[in-house]
């Protein structure tokens, strides 16, 4: 199995039909997440900025996949109710490196009205299906 050790630009991602490289499993751009989830069983998400109204979709992970959040994962604001993260698969490990932060940008969502009105409030995560 490949060991994910070096961050690389998303443009060097190996297509899922090619042999899996360690580079494809070390993700530093939101757009590279689908290729990594399709090809890898050890994925590092490092310093990802998630566009507004977009979800980190980990709902179709391969059996036995380990996903590690590293650095700061930041969700940009969008006035809608959508899941920030979807997770699904069998025998998964979702973890974080020391110092990792999942920053939901809460200050952008807070309008002082809570669930009583104002802007749409988001759903934290969505568990699609997890089997042990």
C-alpha atoms as a PDB file:
ATOM      1  CA  UNK A   1       0.000   0.000   0.000  1.00  0.00           C
ATOM      2  CA  UNK A   2       1.193   3.507  -0.788  1.00  0.00           C
ATOM      3  CA  UNK A   3       2.210   5.744   2.080  1.00  0.00           C
ATOM      4  CA  UNK A   4       0.971   9.331   1.886  1.00  0.00           C
ATOM      5  CA  UNK A   5       3.852  11.611   2.759  1.00  0.00           C
ATOM      6  CA  UNK A   6       4.192  14.595   0.416  1.00  0.00           C
ATOM      7  CA  UNK A   7       1.607  17.268  -0.454  1.00  0.00           C
ATOM      8  CA  UNK A   8       1.315  17.951  -4.185  1.00  0.00           C
ATOM      9  CA  UNK A   9      -0.797  20.255  -6.334  1.00  0.00           C
ATOM     10  CA  UNK A  10      -4.145  18.796  -7.389  1.00  0.00           C
ATOM     11  CA  UNK A  11      -2.992  18.830 -11.014  1.00  0.00           C
ATOM     12  CA  UNK A  12      -0.712  15.845 -10.343  1.00  0.00           C
ATOM     13  CA  UNK A  13      -3.518  13.543  -9.173  1.00  0.00           C
ATOM     14  CA  UNK A  14      -3.324  10.142 -10.823  1.00  0.00           C
ATOM     15  CA  UNK A  15      -6.621   9.055 -12.439  1.00  0.00           C
ATOM     16  CA  UNK A  16      -8.373   6.196 -10.623  1.00  0.00           C
ATOM     17  CA  UNK A  17      -7.740   3.892 -13.598  1.00  0.00           C
ATOM     18  CA  UNK A  18      -3.961   4.252 -13.157  1.00  0.00           C
ATOM     19  CA  UNK A  19      -1.924   2.629 -10.384  1.00  0.00           C
ATOM     20  CA  UNK A  20      -2.543   4.519  -7.144  1.00  0.00           C
ATOM     21  CA  UNK A  21       0.258   6.883  -6.191  1.00  0.00           C
ATOM     22  CA  UNK A  22       0.928   8.248  -2.722  1.00  0.00           C
ATOM     23  CA  UNK A  23       0.468  11.736  -4.191  1.00  0.00           C
ATOM     24  CA  UNK A  24      -3.172  11.038  -5.097  1.00  0.00           C
ATOM     25  CA  UNK A  25      -3.873  10.105  -1.487  1.00  0.00           C
ATOM     26  CA  UNK A  26      -2.465  13.322   0.020  1.00  0.00           C
ATOM     27  CA  UNK A  27      -5.117  15.894  -0.835  1.00  0.00           C
ATOM     28  CA  UNK A  28      -4.573  19.654  -0.579  1.00  0.00           C
ATOM     29  CA  UNK A  29      -7.442  20.847  -2.815  1.00  0.00           C
ATOM     30  CA  UNK A  30     -11.183  20.254  -2.471  1.00  0.00           C
ATOM     31  CA  UNK A  31     -11.458  19.280  -6.149  1.00  0.00           C
ATOM     32  CA  UNK A  32      -9.061  16.339  -5.602  1.00  0.00           C
ATOM     33  CA  UNK A  33     -11.171  14.612  -2.916  1.00  0.00           C
ATOM     34  CA  UNK A  34     -13.277  12.473  -5.330  1.00  0.00           C
ATOM     35  CA  UNK A  35     -10.187  10.966  -6.994  1.00  0.00           C
ATOM     36  CA  UNK A  36      -8.644  10.116  -3.624  1.00  0.00           C
ATOM     37  CA  UNK A  37     -11.823   8.503  -2.255  1.00  0.00           C
ATOM     38  CA  UNK A  38     -12.130   6.420  -5.422  1.00  0.00           C
ATOM     39  CA  UNK A  39      -8.529   5.195  -5.391  1.00  0.00           C
ATOM     40  CA  UNK A  40      -7.084   5.250  -1.868  1.00  0.00           C
ATOM     41  CA  UNK A  41      -7.457   3.513   1.490  1.00  0.00           C
ATOM     42  CA  UNK A  42      -5.195   5.938   3.364  1.00  0.00           C
ATOM     43  CA  UNK A  43      -6.208   9.539   2.686  1.00  0.00           C
ATOM     44  CA  UNK A  44      -4.875  12.755   4.207  1.00  0.00           C
ATOM     45  CA  UNK A  45      -6.938  15.910   3.749  1.00  0.00           C
ATOM     46  CA  UNK A  46      -4.544  18.779   4.432  1.00  0.00           C
ATOM     47  CA  UNK A  47      -5.574  22.424   4.550  1.00  0.00           C
ATOM     48  CA  UNK A  48      -8.731  22.028   2.469  1.00  0.00           C
ATOM     49  CA  UNK A  49     -10.956  25.046   1.759  1.00  0.00           C
ATOM     50  CA  UNK A  50     -14.468  23.797   0.999  1.00  0.00           C
ATOM     51  CA  UNK A  51     -16.468  26.048  -1.326  1.00  0.00           C
ATOM     52  CA  UNK A  52     -19.803  27.358  -0.036  1.00  0.00           C
ATOM     53  CA  UNK A  53     -22.731  24.963  -0.576  1.00  0.00           C
ATOM     54  CA  UNK A  54     -20.278  22.060  -1.008  1.00  0.00           C
ATOM     55  CA  UNK A  55     -19.851  18.872   0.998  1.00  0.00           C
ATOM     56  CA  UNK A  56     -16.715  16.881   1.849  1.00  0.00           C
ATOM     57  CA  UNK A  57     -18.114  13.657   0.393  1.00  0.00           C
ATOM     58  CA  UNK A  58     -16.582  10.614   2.069  1.00  0.00           C
ATOM     59  CA  UNK A  59     -19.749   8.538   1.586  1.00  0.00           C
ATOM     60  CA  UNK A  60     -18.217   5.926  -0.741  1.00  0.00           C
ATOM     61  CA  UNK A  61     -14.939   5.108   0.979  1.00  0.00           C
ATOM     62  CA  UNK A  62     -13.266   1.782   0.229  1.00  0.00           C
ATOM     63  CA  UNK A  63     -13.400  -0.894   2.939  1.00  0.00           C
ATOM     64  CA  UNK A  64     -10.775  -0.293   5.631  1.00  0.00           C
ATOM     65  CA  UNK A  65     -10.059   3.318   4.646  1.00  0.00           C
ATOM     66  CA  UNK A  66      -8.357   5.686   7.076  1.00  0.00           C
ATOM     67  CA  UNK A  67      -9.002   9.400   6.566  1.00  0.00           C
ATOM     68  CA  UNK A  68      -6.839  11.895   8.425  1.00  0.00           C
ATOM     69  CA  UNK A  69      -7.701  15.574   8.632  1.00  0.00           C
ATOM     70  CA  UNK A  70      -4.563  17.713   8.850  1.00  0.00           C
ATOM     71  CA  UNK A  71      -4.140  21.479   9.073  1.00  0.00           C
ATOM     72  CA  UNK A  72      -7.304  23.575   8.890  1.00  0.00           C
ATOM     73  CA  UNK A  73     -10.309  22.443   6.901  1.00  0.00           C
ATOM     74  CA  UNK A  74     -12.393  25.574   6.295  1.00  0.00           C
ATOM     75  CA  UNK A  75     -15.949  25.820   4.958  1.00  0.00           C
ATOM     76  CA  UNK A  76     -16.786  29.004   3.051  1.00  0.00           C
ATOM     77  CA  UNK A  77     -20.179  30.548   3.830  1.00  0.00           C
ATOM     78  CA  UNK A  78     -23.283  29.955   1.716  1.00  0.00           C
ATOM     79  CA  UNK A  79     -26.837  30.735   2.854  1.00  0.00           C
ATOM     80  CA  UNK A  80     -28.318  27.224   2.633  1.00  0.00           C
ATOM     81  CA  UNK A  81     -28.817  24.088   4.716  1.00  0.00           C
ATOM     82  CA  UNK A  82     -26.501  21.318   3.483  1.00  0.00           C
ATOM     83  CA  UNK A  83     -24.220  18.727   5.104  1.00  0.00           C
ATOM     84  CA  UNK A  84     -20.620  19.773   5.568  1.00  0.00           C
ATOM     85  CA  UNK A  85     -19.363  16.157   5.645  1.00  0.00           C
ATOM     86  CA  UNK A  86     -20.864  12.861   4.442  1.00  0.00           C
ATOM     87  CA  UNK A  87     -19.255   9.616   5.641  1.00  0.00           C
ATOM     88  CA  UNK A  88     -19.999   6.057   4.564  1.00  0.00           C
ATOM     89  CA  UNK A  89     -18.196   2.741   4.200  1.00  0.00           C
ATOM     90  CA  UNK A  90     -17.076  -0.360   6.061  1.00  0.00           C
ATOM     91  CA  UNK A  91     -14.393  -0.606   8.769  1.00  0.00           C
ATOM     92  CA  UNK A  92     -13.426   3.075   8.576  1.00  0.00           C
ATOM     93  CA  UNK A  93     -11.131   5.224  10.677  1.00  0.00           C
ATOM     94  CA  UNK A  94     -11.699   8.971  10.608  1.00  0.00           C
ATOM     95  CA  UNK A  95      -9.092  10.830  12.621  1.00  0.00           C
ATOM     96  CA  UNK A  96      -7.166  14.085  12.879  1.00  0.00           C
ATOM     97  CA  UNK A  97      -3.492  14.937  13.067  1.00  0.00           C
ATOM     98  CA  UNK A  98      -2.347  16.893  16.098  1.00  0.00           C
ATOM     99  CA  UNK A  99      -3.458  20.498  15.796  1.00  0.00           C
ATOM    100  CA  UNK A 100      -5.978  19.841  13.022  1.00  0.00           C
ATOM    101  CA  UNK A 101      -9.033  22.120  12.953  1.00  0.00           C
ATOM    102  CA  UNK A 102     -12.420  21.638  11.295  1.00  0.00           C
ATOM    103  CA  UNK A 103     -13.521  25.271  10.968  1.00  0.00           C
ATOM    104  CA  UNK A 104     -17.206  25.509  10.063  1.00  0.00           C
ATOM    105  CA  UNK A 105     -16.972  29.297   9.886  1.00  0.00           C
ATOM    106  CA  UNK A 106     -19.665  29.595  12.557  1.00  0.00           C
ATOM    107  CA  UNK A 107     -19.404  33.363  12.871  1.00  0.00           C
ATOM    108  CA  UNK A 108     -20.642  33.721   9.269  1.00  0.00           C
ATOM    109  CA  UNK A 109     -23.739  31.616  10.077  1.00  0.00           C
ATOM    110  CA  UNK A 110     -24.661  33.358  13.316  1.00  0.00           C
ATOM    111  CA  UNK A 111     -27.319  36.009  12.827  1.00  0.00           C
ATOM    112  CA  UNK A 112     -28.422  36.309  16.452  1.00  0.00           C
ATOM    113  CA  UNK A 113     -31.737  34.572  15.733  1.00  0.00           C
ATOM    114  CA  UNK A 114     -30.685  30.938  16.157  1.00  0.00           C
ATOM    115  CA  UNK A 115     -33.286  28.520  14.794  1.00  0.00           C
ATOM    116  CA  UNK A 116     -35.996  31.189  15.115  1.00  0.00           C
ATOM    117  CA  UNK A 117     -35.379  32.723  11.709  1.00  0.00           C
ATOM    118  CA  UNK A 118     -32.844  34.669   9.741  1.00  0.00           C
ATOM    119  CA  UNK A 119     -30.409  32.819   7.508  1.00  0.00           C
ATOM    120  CA  UNK A 120     -30.511  29.059   6.923  1.00  0.00           C
ATOM    121  CA  UNK A 121     -28.577  26.985   9.476  1.00  0.00           C
ATOM    122  CA  UNK A 122     -26.414  24.079   8.348  1.00  0.00           C
ATOM    123  CA  UNK A 123     -26.324  20.393   9.179  1.00  0.00           C
ATOM    124  CA  UNK A 124     -22.986  19.374  10.708  1.00  0.00           C
ATOM    125  CA  UNK A 125     -22.522  16.002   9.037  1.00  0.00           C
ATOM    126  CA  UNK A 126     -24.405  13.202   7.369  1.00  0.00           C
ATOM    127  CA  UNK A 127     -23.561   9.548   7.986  1.00  0.00           C
ATOM    128  CA  UNK A 128     -24.550   7.726   4.810  1.00  0.00           C
ATOM    129  CA  UNK A 129     -23.783   4.177   5.969  1.00  0.00           C
ATOM    130  CA  UNK A 130     -21.008   2.803   8.109  1.00  0.00           C
ATOM    131  CA  UNK A 131     -20.459  -0.904   8.668  1.00  0.00           C
ATOM    132  CA  UNK A 132     -17.988  -2.488  11.055  1.00  0.00           C
END
